N, C-alpha and C. Protein backbone atom coordinates (compact mmCIF):
# COMPACT_ATOMS: atom_id res chain seq x y z
N MET A 1 -4.20 -11.70 27.11
CA MET A 1 -3.38 -10.52 27.10
C MET A 1 -3.22 -10.51 25.56
N SER A 2 -2.91 -11.90 24.75
CA SER A 2 -2.27 -11.73 23.89
C SER A 2 -3.16 -11.77 22.78
N LYS A 3 -4.16 -12.50 23.50
CA LYS A 3 -5.51 -12.41 22.51
C LYS A 3 -5.57 -10.75 22.36
N ILE A 4 -6.36 -10.30 23.17
CA ILE A 4 -6.62 -8.30 23.26
C ILE A 4 -5.44 -7.90 22.32
N ASN A 5 -4.00 -8.11 22.33
CA ASN A 5 -2.81 -7.38 21.46
C ASN A 5 -3.27 -7.92 20.15
N LYS A 6 -3.45 -9.33 19.85
CA LYS A 6 -3.48 -9.72 18.27
C LYS A 6 -5.15 -8.93 17.65
N SER A 7 -5.51 -8.76 18.51
CA SER A 7 -7.33 -8.37 18.10
C SER A 7 -7.03 -6.81 17.84
N THR A 8 -6.51 -6.04 18.39
CA THR A 8 -5.99 -4.82 18.89
C THR A 8 -5.00 -4.42 17.24
N THR A 9 -4.12 -5.00 17.24
CA THR A 9 -3.52 -5.08 15.92
C THR A 9 -3.81 -5.58 14.37
N LYS A 10 -4.87 -6.50 14.38
CA LYS A 10 -6.09 -6.34 13.28
C LYS A 10 -7.02 -5.13 12.91
N LYS A 11 -7.41 -4.90 13.98
CA LYS A 11 -8.05 -3.42 13.88
C LYS A 11 -7.26 -2.54 13.45
N ILE A 12 -5.93 -2.13 13.87
CA ILE A 12 -5.06 -1.09 13.26
C ILE A 12 -4.93 -1.42 11.82
N TYR A 13 -4.35 -2.93 11.37
CA TYR A 13 -4.08 -3.11 10.36
C TYR A 13 -5.62 -2.33 9.18
N TRP A 14 -6.66 -3.18 9.82
CA TRP A 14 -7.70 -2.70 9.20
C TRP A 14 -8.13 -1.21 9.18
N ILE A 15 -7.79 -0.48 9.86
CA ILE A 15 -8.23 1.06 9.97
C ILE A 15 -6.87 1.84 8.75
N LEU A 16 -5.82 1.22 8.58
CA LEU A 16 -4.80 1.65 7.75
C LEU A 16 -5.16 1.09 6.52
N ILE A 17 -5.99 -0.04 6.39
CA ILE A 17 -6.32 -0.39 4.74
C ILE A 17 -7.89 0.35 4.51
N ILE A 18 -8.36 1.28 5.23
CA ILE A 18 -9.77 1.72 5.13
C ILE A 18 -8.99 3.12 4.98
N LEU A 19 -8.29 3.48 5.79
CA LEU A 19 -7.78 4.96 5.69
C LEU A 19 -7.16 5.23 4.61
N SER A 20 -6.40 3.99 4.15
CA SER A 20 -5.62 4.26 2.39
C SER A 20 -6.54 4.55 1.55
N ILE A 21 -7.82 3.86 1.68
CA ILE A 21 -8.77 3.98 0.81
C ILE A 21 -9.48 4.97 0.59
N VAL A 22 -9.84 5.56 1.62
CA VAL A 22 -10.39 6.85 2.12
C VAL A 22 -10.10 8.07 1.72
N ILE A 23 -8.40 8.12 1.80
CA ILE A 23 -6.98 8.80 1.24
C ILE A 23 -7.10 8.74 -0.38
N GLY A 24 -7.57 7.51 -0.79
CA GLY A 24 -7.19 7.51 -2.48
C GLY A 24 -8.14 7.88 -2.76
N PHE A 25 -9.55 7.65 -2.23
CA PHE A 25 -11.01 8.42 -2.69
C PHE A 25 -11.42 9.92 -2.58
N VAL A 26 -10.56 10.02 -1.47
CA VAL A 26 -10.94 11.51 -0.98
C VAL A 26 -9.92 12.81 -2.10
N PHE A 27 -8.67 12.51 -2.40
CA PHE A 27 -7.72 13.02 -2.65
C PHE A 27 -7.86 13.00 -4.03
N TYR A 28 -8.42 11.39 -5.02
CA TYR A 28 -8.41 11.45 -6.34
C TYR A 28 -9.32 11.28 -6.96
N GLY A 29 -10.41 11.14 -5.91
CA GLY A 29 -11.64 11.42 -6.32
C GLY A 29 -12.04 12.62 -6.69
N THR A 30 -12.36 13.63 -5.42
CA THR A 30 -13.46 14.56 -4.65
C THR A 30 -12.36 15.87 -5.10
N LEU A 31 -11.22 15.63 -4.52
CA LEU A 31 -10.05 16.94 -4.82
C LEU A 31 -9.08 16.60 -6.02
N LYS A 32 -9.36 15.74 -6.52
CA LYS A 32 -8.26 15.54 -7.56
C LYS A 32 -8.20 17.04 -8.53
N ASP A 33 -9.22 18.20 -8.57
CA ASP A 33 -8.82 18.93 -9.53
C ASP A 33 -8.00 20.35 -8.48
N GLN A 34 -8.22 20.26 -7.37
CA GLN A 34 -7.73 21.07 -6.11
C GLN A 34 -6.00 21.49 -6.43
N PHE A 35 -5.89 20.18 -6.73
CA PHE A 35 -3.98 19.92 -6.52
C PHE A 35 -3.38 19.81 -7.57
N GLY A 36 -2.32 19.61 -8.01
CA GLY A 36 -1.51 19.72 -9.48
C GLY A 36 -1.14 18.87 -9.27
N LEU A 37 -1.00 17.95 -10.58
CA LEU A 37 -0.39 17.14 -10.72
C LEU A 37 0.71 15.94 -10.02
N PRO A 38 2.02 16.69 -10.04
CA PRO A 38 2.99 16.55 -9.37
C PRO A 38 2.63 15.98 -8.01
N PHE A 39 2.03 17.53 -7.27
CA PHE A 39 1.59 16.68 -6.08
C PHE A 39 0.41 15.65 -5.34
N LEU A 40 -0.08 14.99 -6.61
CA LEU A 40 -0.80 14.08 -6.54
C LEU A 40 -0.13 12.74 -6.55
N ILE A 41 0.78 12.65 -7.97
CA ILE A 41 1.70 11.82 -7.98
C ILE A 41 2.57 11.40 -7.04
N PHE A 42 3.38 12.15 -6.59
CA PHE A 42 4.37 12.12 -5.30
C PHE A 42 3.55 11.91 -4.00
N PHE A 43 2.20 12.28 -3.88
CA PHE A 43 1.31 12.16 -2.64
C PHE A 43 0.97 10.71 -3.20
N SER A 44 0.76 9.97 -3.80
CA SER A 44 0.01 8.51 -3.91
C SER A 44 0.72 7.69 -3.53
N GLY A 45 2.04 7.96 -3.01
CA GLY A 45 2.69 7.07 -2.10
C GLY A 45 2.28 6.81 -0.50
N VAL A 46 1.47 7.88 -0.21
CA VAL A 46 0.56 7.73 1.26
C VAL A 46 0.08 6.60 1.28
N PRO A 47 -0.79 6.76 0.10
CA PRO A 47 -2.05 5.70 0.41
C PRO A 47 -1.30 4.25 0.28
N PHE A 48 -0.66 4.63 -1.24
CA PHE A 48 0.28 2.77 -1.10
C PHE A 48 1.26 2.38 0.00
N LEU A 49 1.59 3.02 0.69
CA LEU A 49 2.46 2.73 1.92
C LEU A 49 1.47 2.44 3.22
N LEU A 50 0.56 2.87 3.58
CA LEU A 50 -0.60 2.51 4.37
C LEU A 50 -1.66 1.56 3.81
N PHE A 51 -1.61 0.90 2.36
CA PHE A 51 -2.29 0.12 2.25
C PHE A 51 -1.20 -1.01 2.32
N VAL A 52 -0.24 -0.78 1.63
CA VAL A 52 0.60 -1.75 1.74
C VAL A 52 1.30 -2.53 3.76
N THR A 53 1.36 -1.50 4.44
CA THR A 53 1.47 -1.75 5.72
C THR A 53 0.12 -2.37 6.45
N GLY A 54 -0.87 -2.26 5.79
CA GLY A 54 -1.57 -2.95 6.80
C GLY A 54 -2.00 -4.01 5.78
N SER A 55 -1.83 -4.44 4.61
CA SER A 55 -1.85 -6.04 4.22
C SER A 55 -0.59 -6.60 4.48
N PHE A 56 0.10 -6.14 5.02
CA PHE A 56 1.67 -7.21 5.25
C PHE A 56 1.10 -7.34 7.02
N GLY A 57 0.40 -6.29 7.74
CA GLY A 57 0.19 -6.74 8.86
C GLY A 57 -1.05 -7.84 8.96
N LEU A 58 -1.77 -7.67 8.18
CA LEU A 58 -2.52 -8.70 8.09
C LEU A 58 -2.29 -9.90 7.51
N MET A 59 -1.49 -10.11 6.87
CA MET A 59 -1.13 -11.17 6.27
C MET A 59 0.03 -12.12 7.20
N TRP A 60 0.95 -11.24 7.87
CA TRP A 60 2.04 -11.86 8.55
C TRP A 60 1.79 -13.22 9.66
N PRO A 61 0.68 -13.08 10.33
CA PRO A 61 0.57 -14.47 11.00
C PRO A 61 0.67 -15.68 10.42
N LYS A 62 0.34 -15.62 8.89
CA LYS A 62 0.04 -16.82 7.99
C LYS A 62 1.74 -17.03 7.32
N ILE A 63 2.50 -16.02 7.49
CA ILE A 63 3.85 -16.07 6.75
C ILE A 63 4.54 -15.93 7.37
N LYS A 64 4.30 -15.98 8.76
CA LYS A 64 5.44 -15.69 9.40
C LYS A 64 6.88 -17.12 9.96
N PRO A 65 7.94 -16.81 9.27
CA PRO A 65 8.43 -17.69 9.68
C PRO A 65 9.06 -18.70 10.97
N THR A 66 9.22 -20.05 10.72
CA THR A 66 9.22 -20.56 11.89
C THR A 66 10.36 -20.63 12.23
N GLY A 67 11.51 -21.22 11.46
CA GLY A 67 12.88 -21.83 11.82
C GLY A 67 13.53 -21.25 10.32
N ASP A 68 15.01 -21.42 10.83
CA ASP A 68 16.13 -21.00 10.15
C ASP A 68 15.84 -21.24 8.05
N GLU A 69 15.44 -22.66 8.13
CA GLU A 69 15.89 -23.15 7.05
C GLU A 69 14.25 -22.49 5.80
N VAL A 70 13.51 -21.81 6.88
CA VAL A 70 12.57 -21.29 5.94
C VAL A 70 12.62 -19.56 5.73
N TYR A 71 13.72 -18.65 6.08
CA TYR A 71 13.39 -17.32 5.93
C TYR A 71 13.60 -17.13 4.41
N ILE A 72 15.09 -18.23 3.75
CA ILE A 72 14.77 -17.52 2.19
C ILE A 72 13.54 -17.84 1.66
N SER A 73 12.60 -18.48 1.38
CA SER A 73 11.66 -18.84 1.45
C SER A 73 10.55 -17.46 1.63
N HIS A 74 10.50 -17.22 2.95
CA HIS A 74 9.56 -16.13 3.44
C HIS A 74 9.95 -14.83 2.83
N ALA A 75 11.45 -14.37 2.80
CA ALA A 75 12.12 -13.10 2.06
C ALA A 75 11.74 -12.92 0.90
N LEU A 76 11.32 -14.27 -0.28
CA LEU A 76 11.12 -14.30 -1.47
C LEU A 76 9.60 -14.03 -1.71
N LEU A 77 8.50 -14.66 -0.69
CA LEU A 77 7.17 -14.20 -0.65
C LEU A 77 7.21 -12.90 -0.58
N ILE A 78 7.52 -12.43 0.81
CA ILE A 78 7.49 -10.85 0.86
C ILE A 78 8.12 -10.36 -0.40
N GLY A 79 9.24 -10.32 -0.43
CA GLY A 79 9.18 -9.72 -1.74
C GLY A 79 8.29 -9.43 -2.72
N LEU A 80 7.66 -10.45 -3.47
CA LEU A 80 6.85 -10.91 -4.10
C LEU A 80 5.66 -10.43 -4.07
N LEU A 81 5.48 -10.28 -2.68
CA LEU A 81 4.07 -9.53 -2.54
C LEU A 81 4.33 -7.94 -2.50
N PHE A 82 5.55 -7.41 -2.31
CA PHE A 82 5.54 -6.13 -2.33
C PHE A 82 5.75 -5.53 -4.04
N ILE A 83 6.51 -6.38 -5.02
CA ILE A 83 6.31 -6.29 -6.13
C ILE A 83 5.10 -6.19 -6.80
N VAL A 84 4.31 -7.04 -6.15
CA VAL A 84 2.80 -7.37 -6.97
C VAL A 84 1.91 -6.01 -6.76
N LEU A 85 2.08 -5.94 -5.16
CA LEU A 85 1.51 -4.37 -5.15
C LEU A 85 2.12 -3.13 -5.81
N PHE A 86 3.38 -3.32 -5.32
CA PHE A 86 3.71 -1.83 -6.22
C PHE A 86 3.68 -1.59 -7.76
N PHE A 87 3.48 -2.74 -8.52
CA PHE A 87 3.22 -2.99 -9.98
C PHE A 87 1.58 -2.53 -10.17
N ILE A 88 0.71 -2.81 -9.37
CA ILE A 88 -0.38 -2.75 -9.13
C ILE A 88 -0.24 -1.23 -9.32
N HIS A 89 0.08 -0.48 -8.31
CA HIS A 89 0.37 1.17 -8.29
C HIS A 89 0.74 1.49 -9.23
N VAL A 90 2.06 1.45 -9.73
CA VAL A 90 2.44 2.07 -10.92
C VAL A 90 1.91 1.28 -12.29
N TRP A 91 1.18 0.69 -12.37
CA TRP A 91 0.97 0.00 -13.62
C TRP A 91 -0.57 0.00 -13.93
N ILE A 92 -1.60 0.61 -12.73
CA ILE A 92 -2.86 0.61 -12.92
C ILE A 92 -3.55 1.85 -12.11
N ILE A 93 -2.79 2.21 -10.74
CA ILE A 93 -3.03 3.36 -10.16
C ILE A 93 -2.69 4.75 -10.78
N LEU A 94 -1.19 4.70 -10.90
CA LEU A 94 -0.78 5.98 -11.29
C LEU A 94 -1.21 6.29 -12.72
N PRO A 95 -1.24 5.46 -13.90
CA PRO A 95 -1.91 5.95 -15.27
C PRO A 95 -3.52 6.48 -14.74
N ARG A 96 -3.86 5.98 -14.25
CA ARG A 96 -5.45 6.58 -13.82
C ARG A 96 -5.17 8.81 -13.61
N ILE A 97 -4.24 8.52 -12.74
CA ILE A 97 -4.06 9.85 -12.31
C ILE A 97 -3.48 10.36 -13.55
N CYS A 98 -2.40 10.31 -14.12
CA CYS A 98 -1.79 10.76 -15.26
C CYS A 98 -1.91 10.21 -16.33
N PRO A 99 -2.44 9.88 -17.33
CA PRO A 99 -2.15 9.48 -18.57
C PRO A 99 -0.80 9.09 -19.60
N ASP A 100 -0.45 10.57 -19.37
CA ASP A 100 0.87 10.64 -20.09
C ASP A 100 1.93 10.91 -18.64
N PHE A 101 3.01 9.84 -18.22
CA PHE A 101 3.18 9.71 -16.66
C PHE A 101 4.33 10.73 -17.00
N GLY A 102 5.08 10.88 -18.11
CA GLY A 102 6.71 11.67 -18.23
C GLY A 102 5.78 13.11 -18.30
N ALA A 103 5.23 13.26 -18.58
CA ALA A 103 4.68 14.98 -18.93
C ALA A 103 4.16 15.34 -17.78
N CYS A 104 3.55 14.56 -16.85
CA CYS A 104 3.38 14.64 -15.73
C CYS A 104 4.31 15.03 -14.71
N LEU A 105 5.61 14.32 -15.21
CA LEU A 105 6.66 15.13 -13.85
C LEU A 105 7.38 15.88 -14.50
N GLY A 106 7.10 16.48 -15.89
CA GLY A 106 7.68 17.87 -16.45
C GLY A 106 9.18 16.83 -16.78
N VAL A 107 9.42 15.72 -17.41
CA VAL A 107 10.52 14.83 -17.90
C VAL A 107 10.60 15.44 -19.33
């Protein structure tokens, strides 16, 4: 029973990652001209959330804490993962959507 659930959850996490990539290509490739920049910038959080959830779910069995003394290192590792993915989103993906980010937000 555990093996079936593990396989099913892996498939779900892979589906989330693939879905985030498909949403990214559809909205930011083919339908980019159909929406305004503020919508595209704020909506970019959806594929980011799906990708982070999928990658975290796939990595969880490998980085899961096993004792009380490893919770600090586990929290630091998860924080590092999220900050790296967030910086990729902010410094690589968002500038491709809108090169002048402040002007796109109307600031």
